N, C-alpha and C. Protein backbone atom coordinates (compact mmCIF):
# COMPACT_ATOMS: atom_id res chain seq x y z
N MET A 1 89.26 59.97 -136.30
CA MET A 1 88.15 60.56 -135.89
C MET A 1 87.17 59.36 -135.30
N GLY A 2 86.42 59.28 -134.07
CA GLY A 2 85.75 58.48 -133.62
C GLY A 2 84.48 58.28 -134.17
N ALA A 3 84.12 57.06 -134.04
CA ALA A 3 82.75 56.69 -134.43
C ALA A 3 81.40 57.69 -134.10
N ALA A 4 81.59 58.38 -132.75
CA ALA A 4 80.42 58.98 -132.64
C ALA A 4 80.46 60.45 -133.25
N VAL A 5 81.74 61.11 -133.65
CA VAL A 5 81.90 62.14 -134.42
C VAL A 5 81.60 61.90 -135.79
N LEU A 6 81.71 60.86 -136.10
CA LEU A 6 81.70 60.80 -137.92
C LEU A 6 80.11 60.16 -137.94
N SER A 7 79.32 59.75 -136.83
CA SER A 7 77.89 59.40 -136.87
C SER A 7 77.15 60.75 -136.84
N VAL A 8 77.71 61.95 -136.12
CA VAL A 8 77.08 63.42 -135.72
C VAL A 8 77.23 63.75 -137.29
N ILE A 9 78.47 63.73 -137.82
CA ILE A 9 78.29 64.27 -139.21
C ILE A 9 77.61 63.74 -140.48
N VAL A 10 77.73 62.43 -140.26
CA VAL A 10 76.78 61.89 -141.65
C VAL A 10 75.56 62.11 -141.06
N GLY A 11 75.09 61.85 -140.01
CA GLY A 11 73.64 61.98 -139.72
C GLY A 11 73.30 63.84 -139.69
N TYR A 12 73.77 64.57 -139.59
CA TYR A 12 73.57 65.99 -139.79
C TYR A 12 73.55 66.44 -141.29
N LEU A 13 74.28 65.69 -142.08
CA LEU A 13 74.16 66.02 -143.31
C LEU A 13 72.97 65.24 -144.41
N LEU A 14 72.87 64.08 -144.05
CA LEU A 14 71.74 63.42 -144.36
C LEU A 14 70.39 64.26 -143.99
N GLY A 15 70.50 64.62 -142.66
CA GLY A 15 68.98 64.95 -142.40
C GLY A 15 68.81 66.70 -143.15
N SER A 16 70.35 67.06 -143.26
CA SER A 16 69.92 68.38 -143.77
C SER A 16 69.13 68.36 -145.58
N ILE A 17 69.02 67.26 -146.21
CA ILE A 17 68.95 66.94 -147.36
C ILE A 17 67.40 67.51 -147.03
N PRO A 18 66.78 68.71 -147.88
CA PRO A 18 65.66 69.02 -148.01
C PRO A 18 64.44 68.42 -148.85
N VAL A 19 64.58 67.25 -148.56
CA VAL A 19 63.36 66.55 -149.71
C VAL A 19 62.53 67.27 -149.73
N ALA A 20 61.41 67.45 -149.16
CA ALA A 20 60.25 68.55 -149.57
C ALA A 20 60.52 69.72 -149.90
N VAL A 21 61.37 70.69 -149.84
CA VAL A 21 61.82 71.72 -150.47
C VAL A 21 62.28 71.54 -152.21
N LEU A 22 62.92 70.36 -152.30
CA LEU A 22 62.91 69.87 -153.88
C LEU A 22 61.89 69.61 -154.24
N LEU A 23 61.36 68.47 -153.80
CA LEU A 23 59.78 67.94 -154.48
C LEU A 23 59.05 69.21 -154.86
N ALA A 24 58.79 69.95 -153.75
CA ALA A 24 57.78 71.11 -154.23
C ALA A 24 58.12 72.06 -155.04
N ARG A 25 59.64 72.34 -155.24
CA ARG A 25 60.12 73.51 -156.18
C ARG A 25 59.94 72.73 -157.58
N GLY A 26 60.14 71.34 -157.71
CA GLY A 26 59.46 70.66 -159.21
C GLY A 26 58.05 71.02 -159.46
N HIS A 27 57.57 71.57 -158.23
CA HIS A 27 55.87 71.86 -158.55
C HIS A 27 55.51 72.95 -158.58
N GLY A 28 56.68 73.79 -158.15
CA GLY A 28 56.55 75.49 -158.62
C GLY A 28 56.07 76.36 -157.35
N PHE A 29 56.68 75.47 -156.02
CA PHE A 29 56.37 76.20 -154.79
C PHE A 29 57.23 76.02 -153.54
N ASP A 30 57.17 76.61 -152.72
CA ASP A 30 58.10 76.60 -151.60
C ASP A 30 57.20 76.06 -150.39
N PRO A 31 57.41 75.01 -150.10
CA PRO A 31 56.65 74.66 -148.97
C PRO A 31 56.46 75.78 -147.45
N ARG A 32 57.90 76.06 -147.48
CA ARG A 32 57.88 77.04 -146.27
C ARG A 32 57.27 78.50 -146.54
N ALA A 33 56.62 78.75 -147.54
CA ALA A 33 55.82 79.80 -147.97
C ALA A 33 54.35 79.62 -147.91
N VAL A 34 53.95 78.50 -148.01
CA VAL A 34 52.54 77.85 -148.20
C VAL A 34 51.96 77.02 -146.99
N GLY A 35 50.62 76.93 -146.76
CA GLY A 35 50.21 76.18 -145.85
C GLY A 35 50.69 76.53 -144.48
N ASP A 36 50.89 75.66 -143.70
CA ASP A 36 51.49 75.49 -142.43
C ASP A 36 53.13 76.28 -142.41
N ARG A 37 53.59 76.36 -143.80
CA ARG A 37 54.91 76.79 -143.98
C ARG A 37 56.31 75.81 -143.26
N ASN A 38 55.67 74.65 -143.04
CA ASN A 38 56.61 73.52 -142.31
C ASN A 38 57.13 72.72 -143.72
N PRO A 39 58.32 72.61 -143.85
CA PRO A 39 58.91 71.94 -145.24
C PRO A 39 59.08 70.32 -144.83
N GLY A 40 57.53 69.70 -144.59
CA GLY A 40 57.70 68.32 -144.53
C GLY A 40 56.64 67.53 -145.11
N PHE A 41 56.15 66.36 -144.83
CA PHE A 41 55.27 65.43 -145.32
C PHE A 41 54.09 66.03 -145.32
N TRP A 42 53.53 66.53 -144.30
CA TRP A 42 52.01 66.87 -143.87
C TRP A 42 51.50 68.11 -144.86
N ASN A 43 52.69 69.25 -144.92
CA ASN A 43 52.21 70.20 -145.73
C ASN A 43 52.55 69.89 -147.18
N VAL A 44 53.39 69.20 -147.64
CA VAL A 44 53.40 68.97 -149.13
C VAL A 44 52.04 67.78 -149.27
N LYS A 45 51.76 67.06 -148.43
CA LYS A 45 50.40 66.20 -148.90
C LYS A 45 49.38 67.23 -149.20
N GLU A 46 49.35 68.19 -148.03
CA GLU A 46 47.89 69.20 -147.99
C GLU A 46 47.77 70.02 -149.28
N GLN A 47 49.39 70.19 -150.03
CA GLN A 47 49.50 71.02 -151.30
C GLN A 47 49.06 70.06 -152.21
N LEU A 48 49.50 68.76 -152.58
CA LEU A 48 49.63 67.96 -153.89
C LEU A 48 48.67 66.79 -153.82
N GLY A 49 48.56 66.70 -152.35
CA GLY A 49 47.91 65.13 -152.37
C GLY A 49 48.80 63.84 -151.80
N TRP A 50 48.26 62.99 -151.59
CA TRP A 50 48.87 62.02 -150.62
C TRP A 50 50.20 61.24 -151.73
N ARG A 51 49.46 60.86 -152.93
CA ARG A 51 50.49 60.12 -153.88
C ARG A 51 51.84 61.24 -154.33
N SER A 52 51.68 62.36 -154.50
CA SER A 52 52.68 63.22 -154.18
C SER A 52 53.50 63.52 -153.64
N ALA A 53 53.05 63.10 -152.34
CA ALA A 53 53.76 63.13 -151.23
C ALA A 53 54.67 62.14 -150.78
N VAL A 54 54.55 61.22 -151.20
CA VAL A 54 54.85 59.56 -150.93
C VAL A 54 56.61 60.11 -150.64
N PRO A 55 57.46 60.45 -152.08
CA PRO A 55 58.61 60.82 -151.86
C PRO A 55 59.18 61.69 -150.72
N VAL A 56 58.31 62.41 -150.13
CA VAL A 56 58.72 63.14 -148.96
C VAL A 56 58.65 62.36 -147.92
N PHE A 57 57.75 61.49 -147.64
CA PHE A 57 57.29 60.71 -146.33
C PHE A 57 58.88 59.86 -146.30
N ALA A 58 59.01 59.13 -147.65
CA ALA A 58 60.09 58.04 -147.67
C ALA A 58 61.46 58.62 -147.29
N GLY A 59 61.79 59.88 -147.83
CA GLY A 59 62.70 60.39 -147.81
C GLY A 59 63.28 60.86 -146.12
N ASP A 60 62.06 61.60 -145.94
CA ASP A 60 62.58 62.10 -144.76
C ASP A 60 62.76 61.19 -143.36
N THR A 61 61.87 59.83 -143.91
CA THR A 61 62.09 58.80 -142.60
C THR A 61 63.46 58.20 -143.34
N LEU A 62 63.82 58.01 -144.51
CA LEU A 62 64.95 57.27 -144.54
C LEU A 62 66.12 58.15 -144.15
N LYS A 63 66.12 59.11 -143.74
CA LYS A 63 67.19 60.27 -143.34
C LYS A 63 67.68 59.56 -141.70
N GLY A 64 66.71 59.32 -141.09
CA GLY A 64 66.89 58.75 -139.66
C GLY A 64 67.55 57.19 -140.00
N THR A 65 66.91 56.63 -140.70
CA THR A 65 67.15 55.20 -141.01
C THR A 65 68.75 54.90 -141.45
N LEU A 66 69.02 56.05 -142.23
CA LEU A 66 70.40 55.70 -142.85
C LEU A 66 71.30 56.34 -141.97
N ALA A 67 71.23 57.08 -141.53
CA ALA A 67 71.98 57.87 -140.22
C ALA A 67 72.28 56.94 -139.41
N ALA A 68 71.35 56.11 -138.61
CA ALA A 68 71.36 55.30 -137.46
C ALA A 68 72.32 54.00 -138.21
N LEU A 69 72.08 53.50 -139.56
CA LEU A 69 72.54 52.71 -140.13
C LEU A 69 73.89 52.86 -140.17
N ALA A 70 74.29 54.11 -140.40
CA ALA A 70 75.75 54.28 -140.67
C ALA A 70 76.41 54.40 -139.34
N ALA A 71 76.02 54.71 -138.26
CA ALA A 71 76.06 54.94 -137.61
C ALA A 71 76.66 53.24 -136.53
N LEU A 72 75.76 52.42 -136.94
CA LEU A 72 75.67 51.32 -136.64
C LEU A 72 76.83 50.35 -136.85
N LEU A 73 77.06 50.83 -138.24
CA LEU A 73 78.13 50.09 -139.06
C LEU A 73 79.60 50.51 -138.39
N LEU A 74 79.46 52.00 -138.25
CA LEU A 74 80.80 52.56 -137.79
C LEU A 74 81.22 52.07 -136.28
N SER A 75 80.21 51.95 -135.55
CA SER A 75 80.41 51.39 -134.20
C SER A 75 80.54 49.93 -133.97
N GLY A 76 80.82 49.03 -134.91
CA GLY A 76 80.85 47.61 -134.59
C GLY A 76 79.58 46.77 -135.03
N GLY A 77 78.18 47.16 -135.01
CA GLY A 77 77.08 46.82 -135.01
C GLY A 77 76.81 45.74 -134.02
N HIS A 78 76.82 46.58 -132.91
CA HIS A 78 76.38 45.89 -131.71
C HIS A 78 75.11 45.62 -131.34
N THR A 79 73.98 44.56 -131.60
CA THR A 79 72.71 44.69 -131.29
C THR A 79 72.69 43.45 -130.17
N THR A 80 71.25 43.16 -129.91
CA THR A 80 70.84 42.08 -129.13
C THR A 80 70.06 41.36 -130.18
N GLY A 81 69.31 39.95 -129.52
CA GLY A 81 69.10 39.13 -130.45
C GLY A 81 67.78 39.62 -131.28
N PRO A 82 67.11 40.66 -131.37
CA PRO A 82 65.77 41.05 -131.92
C PRO A 82 66.56 42.36 -132.94
N GLY A 83 67.60 42.64 -132.87
CA GLY A 83 68.08 43.71 -133.81
C GLY A 83 68.25 45.16 -132.85
N VAL A 84 68.09 44.78 -131.65
CA VAL A 84 68.12 46.01 -131.00
C VAL A 84 69.38 46.48 -130.65
N VAL A 85 69.73 47.94 -130.77
CA VAL A 85 70.73 48.73 -130.76
C VAL A 85 71.54 48.16 -129.12
N ALA A 86 72.53 48.22 -129.24
CA ALA A 86 73.41 47.65 -127.40
C ALA A 86 74.78 48.14 -127.60
N GLY A 87 75.12 47.88 -126.30
CA GLY A 87 76.55 47.87 -126.41
C GLY A 87 77.06 49.45 -126.57
N ASP A 88 78.40 49.06 -127.10
CA ASP A 88 79.00 50.16 -127.68
C ASP A 88 78.10 51.02 -128.76
N SER A 89 77.42 50.65 -129.26
CA SER A 89 76.78 51.17 -130.93
C SER A 89 75.30 52.11 -130.08
N VAL A 90 75.16 51.95 -129.08
CA VAL A 90 74.17 52.99 -128.70
C VAL A 90 74.26 54.52 -128.62
N VAL A 91 75.39 54.88 -127.90
CA VAL A 91 75.79 56.27 -127.91
C VAL A 91 75.89 56.74 -129.54
N PRO A 92 76.87 56.14 -130.59
CA PRO A 92 76.71 56.83 -131.74
C PRO A 92 75.56 56.53 -132.50
N VAL A 93 74.46 56.01 -132.31
CA VAL A 93 73.30 55.70 -132.93
C VAL A 93 72.46 56.51 -132.55
N TYR A 94 72.24 56.79 -131.32
CA TYR A 94 71.44 58.08 -130.84
C TYR A 94 71.81 59.26 -131.57
N LEU A 95 73.09 59.31 -131.24
CA LEU A 95 73.79 60.77 -131.63
C LEU A 95 73.55 60.98 -133.39
N ALA A 96 73.66 59.96 -133.75
CA ALA A 96 73.49 59.95 -135.12
C ALA A 96 72.19 60.49 -135.53
N VAL A 97 71.08 59.75 -134.93
CA VAL A 97 69.56 60.02 -135.31
C VAL A 97 69.23 61.42 -134.69
N ALA A 98 69.69 61.94 -133.54
CA ALA A 98 69.54 63.17 -133.23
C ALA A 98 70.21 64.18 -134.13
N ALA A 99 71.30 63.94 -134.52
CA ALA A 99 71.99 64.81 -135.61
C ALA A 99 71.36 64.98 -136.81
N ALA A 100 70.73 63.83 -137.22
CA ALA A 100 70.04 63.83 -138.67
C ALA A 100 68.33 64.56 -138.41
N MET A 101 68.21 64.60 -136.87
CA MET A 101 66.81 65.31 -136.77
C MET A 101 67.15 66.75 -136.64
N ALA A 102 68.26 67.04 -136.14
CA ALA A 102 68.89 68.56 -135.96
C ALA A 102 68.77 69.12 -137.53
N GLY A 103 69.46 67.86 -138.38
CA GLY A 103 69.46 68.40 -139.68
C GLY A 103 68.31 68.75 -140.48
N HIS A 104 67.33 68.00 -140.22
CA HIS A 104 65.85 68.05 -140.90
C HIS A 104 65.39 69.38 -140.13
N ALA A 105 65.66 69.61 -138.64
CA ALA A 105 65.13 70.73 -138.37
C ALA A 105 65.57 71.99 -138.54
N TRP A 106 66.90 71.87 -138.84
CA TRP A 106 67.97 73.05 -139.13
C TRP A 106 68.79 72.53 -140.23
N PRO A 107 68.22 72.58 -141.52
CA PRO A 107 69.30 72.08 -142.72
C PRO A 107 70.12 73.28 -143.25
N VAL A 108 71.49 73.06 -143.50
CA VAL A 108 72.59 73.70 -143.89
C VAL A 108 72.46 73.97 -145.42
N PHE A 109 71.53 72.87 -145.81
CA PHE A 109 71.34 73.07 -147.50
C PHE A 109 70.04 73.86 -147.77
N ALA A 110 69.19 74.10 -146.84
CA ALA A 110 68.07 74.93 -146.84
C ALA A 110 67.63 75.87 -145.91
N GLY A 111 68.98 77.13 -145.78
CA GLY A 111 68.92 78.22 -144.75
C GLY A 111 68.55 77.91 -143.68
N PHE A 112 68.46 76.56 -143.15
CA PHE A 112 68.46 76.47 -141.72
C PHE A 112 66.88 76.42 -141.19
N ARG A 113 66.26 76.43 -142.36
CA ARG A 113 64.68 76.39 -142.24
C ARG A 113 64.38 75.18 -142.50
N GLY A 114 63.66 74.14 -141.37
CA GLY A 114 63.65 72.85 -141.63
C GLY A 114 61.89 72.54 -141.01
N GLY A 115 61.80 71.35 -140.96
CA GLY A 115 60.41 70.64 -140.54
C GLY A 115 60.88 70.24 -139.26
N ARG A 116 59.90 69.50 -138.63
CA ARG A 116 59.54 68.92 -137.11
C ARG A 116 60.26 67.81 -136.60
N SER A 117 61.12 66.92 -137.88
CA SER A 117 61.77 65.88 -137.33
C SER A 117 61.23 64.47 -137.02
N ILE A 118 59.96 64.41 -137.26
CA ILE A 118 58.93 63.43 -136.89
C ILE A 118 59.13 62.39 -137.26
N LEU A 119 59.52 62.39 -138.58
CA LEU A 119 59.33 61.26 -139.56
C LEU A 119 60.87 60.80 -139.56
N THR A 120 61.93 61.97 -139.44
CA THR A 120 63.01 61.26 -139.32
C THR A 120 63.45 60.73 -137.81
N PHE A 121 62.59 60.93 -136.87
CA PHE A 121 63.04 60.02 -135.62
C PHE A 121 62.38 58.69 -135.94
N ALA A 122 61.26 58.65 -136.44
CA ALA A 122 60.63 57.33 -136.87
C ALA A 122 61.65 56.29 -137.42
N GLY A 123 62.58 56.94 -138.67
CA GLY A 123 63.38 56.43 -139.25
C GLY A 123 64.50 55.88 -138.57
N GLY A 124 64.87 56.52 -137.37
CA GLY A 124 65.81 56.48 -136.64
C GLY A 124 65.42 54.93 -135.52
N VAL A 125 64.23 55.22 -135.20
CA VAL A 125 63.58 54.30 -134.40
C VAL A 125 63.47 52.75 -135.12
N ALA A 126 63.21 52.55 -136.24
CA ALA A 126 63.24 51.48 -137.03
C ALA A 126 64.49 50.65 -136.94
N VAL A 127 65.91 51.39 -136.55
CA VAL A 127 66.99 50.81 -136.30
C VAL A 127 67.36 50.70 -135.16
N ILE A 128 67.19 51.40 -134.11
CA ILE A 128 67.52 51.70 -132.52
C ILE A 128 66.48 50.20 -132.07
N CYS A 129 65.17 50.14 -132.27
CA CYS A 129 64.77 49.52 -131.87
C CYS A 129 63.70 48.73 -132.80
N PRO A 130 63.97 47.86 -133.98
CA PRO A 130 63.07 47.41 -134.65
C PRO A 130 61.73 46.83 -134.36
N PRO A 131 62.12 46.07 -133.07
CA PRO A 131 60.67 45.23 -132.83
C PRO A 131 59.12 46.43 -132.41
N ALA A 132 60.09 47.66 -131.67
CA ALA A 132 59.14 48.46 -131.08
C ALA A 132 58.91 49.49 -132.26
N PHE A 133 59.37 49.34 -133.14
CA PHE A 133 58.89 50.03 -134.51
C PHE A 133 58.03 49.79 -135.15
N ALA A 134 58.10 47.95 -135.02
CA ALA A 134 56.89 47.47 -135.73
C ALA A 134 55.61 47.58 -135.29
N LEU A 135 55.69 47.53 -133.82
CA LEU A 135 54.50 47.66 -132.94
C LEU A 135 53.79 48.96 -133.20
N ALA A 136 54.70 50.01 -133.17
CA ALA A 136 54.60 51.33 -133.07
C ALA A 136 53.50 51.58 -134.66
N VAL A 137 54.10 50.91 -135.96
CA VAL A 137 53.28 50.57 -137.06
C VAL A 137 51.87 50.54 -136.76
N ALA A 138 52.02 49.19 -135.93
CA ALA A 138 50.76 48.32 -136.13
C ALA A 138 49.75 49.20 -135.19
N ALA A 139 50.32 49.67 -134.05
CA ALA A 139 49.20 50.80 -133.41
C ALA A 139 48.73 52.02 -134.39
N LEU A 140 49.79 52.23 -135.09
CA LEU A 140 49.31 53.62 -136.19
C LEU A 140 48.33 53.02 -137.03
N VAL A 141 48.28 51.84 -137.66
CA VAL A 141 47.33 51.41 -138.51
C VAL A 141 46.12 51.33 -137.78
N ALA A 142 45.89 50.30 -136.32
CA ALA A 142 44.83 50.36 -135.88
C ALA A 142 43.84 51.45 -135.48
N VAL A 143 45.10 52.15 -134.62
CA VAL A 143 44.15 53.38 -134.43
C VAL A 143 43.92 54.31 -135.71
N ALA A 144 44.52 54.42 -136.55
CA ALA A 144 44.26 55.46 -137.83
C ALA A 144 42.95 54.62 -138.42
N LEU A 145 42.70 53.63 -138.33
CA LEU A 145 41.32 53.04 -139.30
C LEU A 145 40.73 52.93 -138.21
N GLY A 146 40.45 52.80 -136.80
CA GLY A 146 39.56 52.88 -135.71
C GLY A 146 39.08 54.40 -135.77
N ALA A 147 40.20 55.16 -135.55
CA ALA A 147 39.43 56.57 -135.61
C ALA A 147 39.19 57.35 -137.08
N ARG A 148 39.67 56.73 -138.35
CA ARG A 148 39.14 57.25 -139.39
C ARG A 148 40.34 58.79 -139.57
N SER A 149 41.66 58.66 -139.05
CA SER A 149 42.47 59.80 -138.87
C SER A 149 43.84 59.21 -138.88
N PHE A 150 44.53 59.53 -140.10
CA PHE A 150 46.06 58.96 -140.10
C PHE A 150 46.70 59.72 -138.83
N ALA A 151 46.29 60.94 -138.88
CA ALA A 151 46.99 61.90 -137.82
C ALA A 151 46.99 61.31 -136.59
N VAL A 152 45.72 60.86 -135.94
CA VAL A 152 45.67 60.61 -134.66
C VAL A 152 46.56 59.25 -134.43
N GLY A 153 46.25 58.18 -135.51
CA GLY A 153 47.05 56.93 -135.35
C GLY A 153 48.58 57.65 -135.07
N ALA A 154 49.07 58.65 -136.03
CA ALA A 154 50.57 58.88 -136.28
C ALA A 154 50.71 59.25 -134.37
N ARG A 155 50.19 59.78 -134.10
CA ARG A 155 50.31 60.76 -132.65
C ARG A 155 50.47 59.57 -131.65
N VAL A 156 49.50 58.40 -131.83
CA VAL A 156 49.64 57.44 -130.66
C VAL A 156 50.74 56.42 -130.96
N ALA A 157 51.17 56.22 -132.26
CA ALA A 157 52.24 55.48 -132.34
C ALA A 157 53.51 56.42 -132.01
N VAL A 158 53.70 57.66 -132.24
CA VAL A 158 54.93 58.31 -131.92
C VAL A 158 55.25 58.44 -130.48
N PHE A 159 54.19 58.58 -129.62
CA PHE A 159 54.34 58.70 -128.59
C PHE A 159 54.49 57.47 -127.41
N GLY A 160 54.02 56.35 -128.28
CA GLY A 160 53.86 55.08 -127.54
C GLY A 160 55.33 54.54 -127.81
N VAL A 161 56.12 55.08 -128.51
CA VAL A 161 57.54 54.40 -128.70
C VAL A 161 58.42 53.87 -127.57
N PRO A 162 58.37 55.02 -127.05
CA PRO A 162 59.24 54.55 -125.30
C PRO A 162 58.43 53.37 -124.67
N ALA A 163 57.28 53.71 -124.44
CA ALA A 163 56.45 52.38 -123.73
C ALA A 163 56.65 50.88 -124.42
N LEU A 164 56.62 51.09 -125.83
CA LEU A 164 57.07 49.79 -126.51
C LEU A 164 58.36 49.27 -126.18
N GLN A 165 59.32 50.49 -126.49
CA GLN A 165 60.65 49.93 -126.21
C GLN A 165 61.12 49.39 -125.05
N LEU A 166 60.34 50.15 -124.03
CA LEU A 166 60.66 49.07 -122.60
C LEU A 166 60.59 47.56 -122.69
N LEU A 167 59.77 47.18 -123.79
CA LEU A 167 59.95 45.77 -123.76
C LEU A 167 61.11 45.13 -124.18
N PHE A 168 61.99 45.71 -124.98
CA PHE A 168 63.15 45.48 -125.26
C PHE A 168 64.04 45.90 -125.24
N ALA A 169 64.45 46.89 -124.44
CA ALA A 169 65.63 47.62 -123.88
C ALA A 169 65.56 48.39 -122.42
N PRO A 170 66.66 48.48 -121.94
CA PRO A 170 66.73 48.97 -120.33
C PRO A 170 66.32 50.40 -120.50
N ALA A 171 65.53 51.00 -119.39
CA ALA A 171 65.09 52.26 -118.99
C ALA A 171 66.35 53.02 -119.72
N GLU A 172 67.35 52.95 -119.12
CA GLU A 172 68.32 54.04 -119.45
C GLU A 172 68.64 54.43 -121.21
N VAL A 173 68.13 52.99 -121.78
CA VAL A 173 68.43 53.35 -123.37
C VAL A 173 67.26 53.95 -123.89
N VAL A 174 66.26 53.80 -123.38
CA VAL A 174 64.65 54.17 -123.73
C VAL A 174 64.70 55.90 -123.17
N ALA A 175 65.63 55.93 -122.33
CA ALA A 175 65.37 57.53 -122.09
C ALA A 175 66.23 58.36 -123.17
N GLY A 176 67.05 58.02 -123.99
CA GLY A 176 67.76 58.55 -125.08
C GLY A 176 66.57 58.59 -125.87
N THR A 177 65.66 57.64 -126.25
CA THR A 177 64.42 58.13 -127.07
C THR A 177 63.86 59.39 -126.71
N GLY A 178 63.48 59.25 -125.10
CA GLY A 178 62.70 60.56 -124.85
C GLY A 178 63.29 61.64 -125.28
N ALA A 179 64.77 61.72 -125.08
CA ALA A 179 65.50 62.85 -125.58
C ALA A 179 65.46 63.11 -126.79
N LEU A 180 65.56 62.07 -127.93
CA LEU A 180 65.08 62.86 -129.11
C LEU A 180 63.76 63.07 -129.49
N MET A 181 62.57 62.66 -128.62
CA MET A 181 61.44 63.16 -128.62
C MET A 181 61.34 64.75 -127.94
N CYS A 182 61.91 65.01 -127.10
CA CYS A 182 62.47 66.40 -126.78
C CYS A 182 62.75 67.60 -127.86
N LEU A 183 63.56 66.96 -128.86
CA LEU A 183 63.85 67.67 -129.95
C LEU A 183 62.65 67.77 -130.79
N ILE A 184 61.79 67.13 -130.96
CA ILE A 184 60.58 67.52 -131.94
C ILE A 184 60.08 68.17 -131.18
N GLY A 185 59.67 68.25 -129.75
CA GLY A 185 59.34 69.27 -128.70
C GLY A 185 59.69 70.62 -129.14
N LEU A 186 60.69 70.82 -128.89
CA LEU A 186 61.83 71.98 -129.25
C LEU A 186 61.39 72.52 -130.62
N ARG A 187 61.70 71.83 -131.96
CA ARG A 187 61.02 72.27 -132.99
C ARG A 187 59.51 72.83 -133.34
N PHE A 188 58.82 72.33 -132.19
CA PHE A 188 57.23 72.53 -132.24
C PHE A 188 57.39 74.15 -131.83
N GLY A 189 57.75 74.23 -130.66
CA GLY A 189 57.83 75.42 -129.63
C GLY A 189 58.44 76.42 -130.60
N GLN A 190 59.57 76.18 -131.20
CA GLN A 190 60.18 77.12 -131.89
C GLN A 190 59.30 77.80 -133.15
N ALA A 191 58.55 76.75 -133.82
CA ALA A 191 57.40 76.98 -134.94
C ALA A 191 56.50 78.02 -134.40
N ALA A 192 55.63 77.48 -133.25
CA ALA A 192 54.80 78.28 -132.70
C ALA A 192 55.40 79.81 -132.27
N LEU A 193 56.63 79.74 -131.85
CA LEU A 193 56.96 81.34 -131.62
C LEU A 193 57.01 82.01 -132.77
N SER A 194 57.50 81.57 -133.73
CA SER A 194 58.11 82.29 -135.19
C SER A 194 56.29 82.34 -135.52
N SER A 195 55.46 82.00 -135.70
CA SER A 195 54.31 81.85 -136.55
C SER A 195 53.33 83.15 -135.47
N ARG A 196 53.75 83.36 -134.17
CA ARG A 196 53.02 84.42 -133.31
C ARG A 196 53.75 85.86 -133.69
N ARG A 197 55.35 85.72 -133.88
CA ARG A 197 55.87 86.88 -134.32
C ARG A 197 55.73 87.39 -136.18
N SER A 198 55.29 86.21 -136.66
CA SER A 198 54.69 86.54 -138.14
C SER A 198 53.37 87.34 -138.14
């Protein structure tokens, strides 16, 4: 079985671990039935507060990171000097992160009712292009402090990733990051349609 196929399988299974659902169940509720009905960090934070939601933040981010690291290992660990994924590792790593995001959005372990995959995307970017990830985190902190809004900082950081990645990777690789972001858009669109029907 090729590295790409294994990467997709590992990525999807990791992404399908319903961290928010499992944590919320311990507090007596299902995040898919309260708040914005999104089984992710933000909804859990709104229900339980920042401190209790930290495991969801970490878990959902690690899904993307671990999937990307597994694919990097399976594909021979090809990177450039600053640790940017390159060569024969590009396709398996991107497929693994896409699969982890799909697993988070449509998890086999939670009735295919998942979240938006933003943190899983971020965790994958940390492996795909570590320097761009570091700059995005810096932008998040700066904007969040300036605007006094974590949500605004997070949006700037996420949407800024492709531009930051262009400083370290060729445009054809950055296009893959754009494709990953389209998965987030697809999930948001699906959630919006579901809310209109309910």
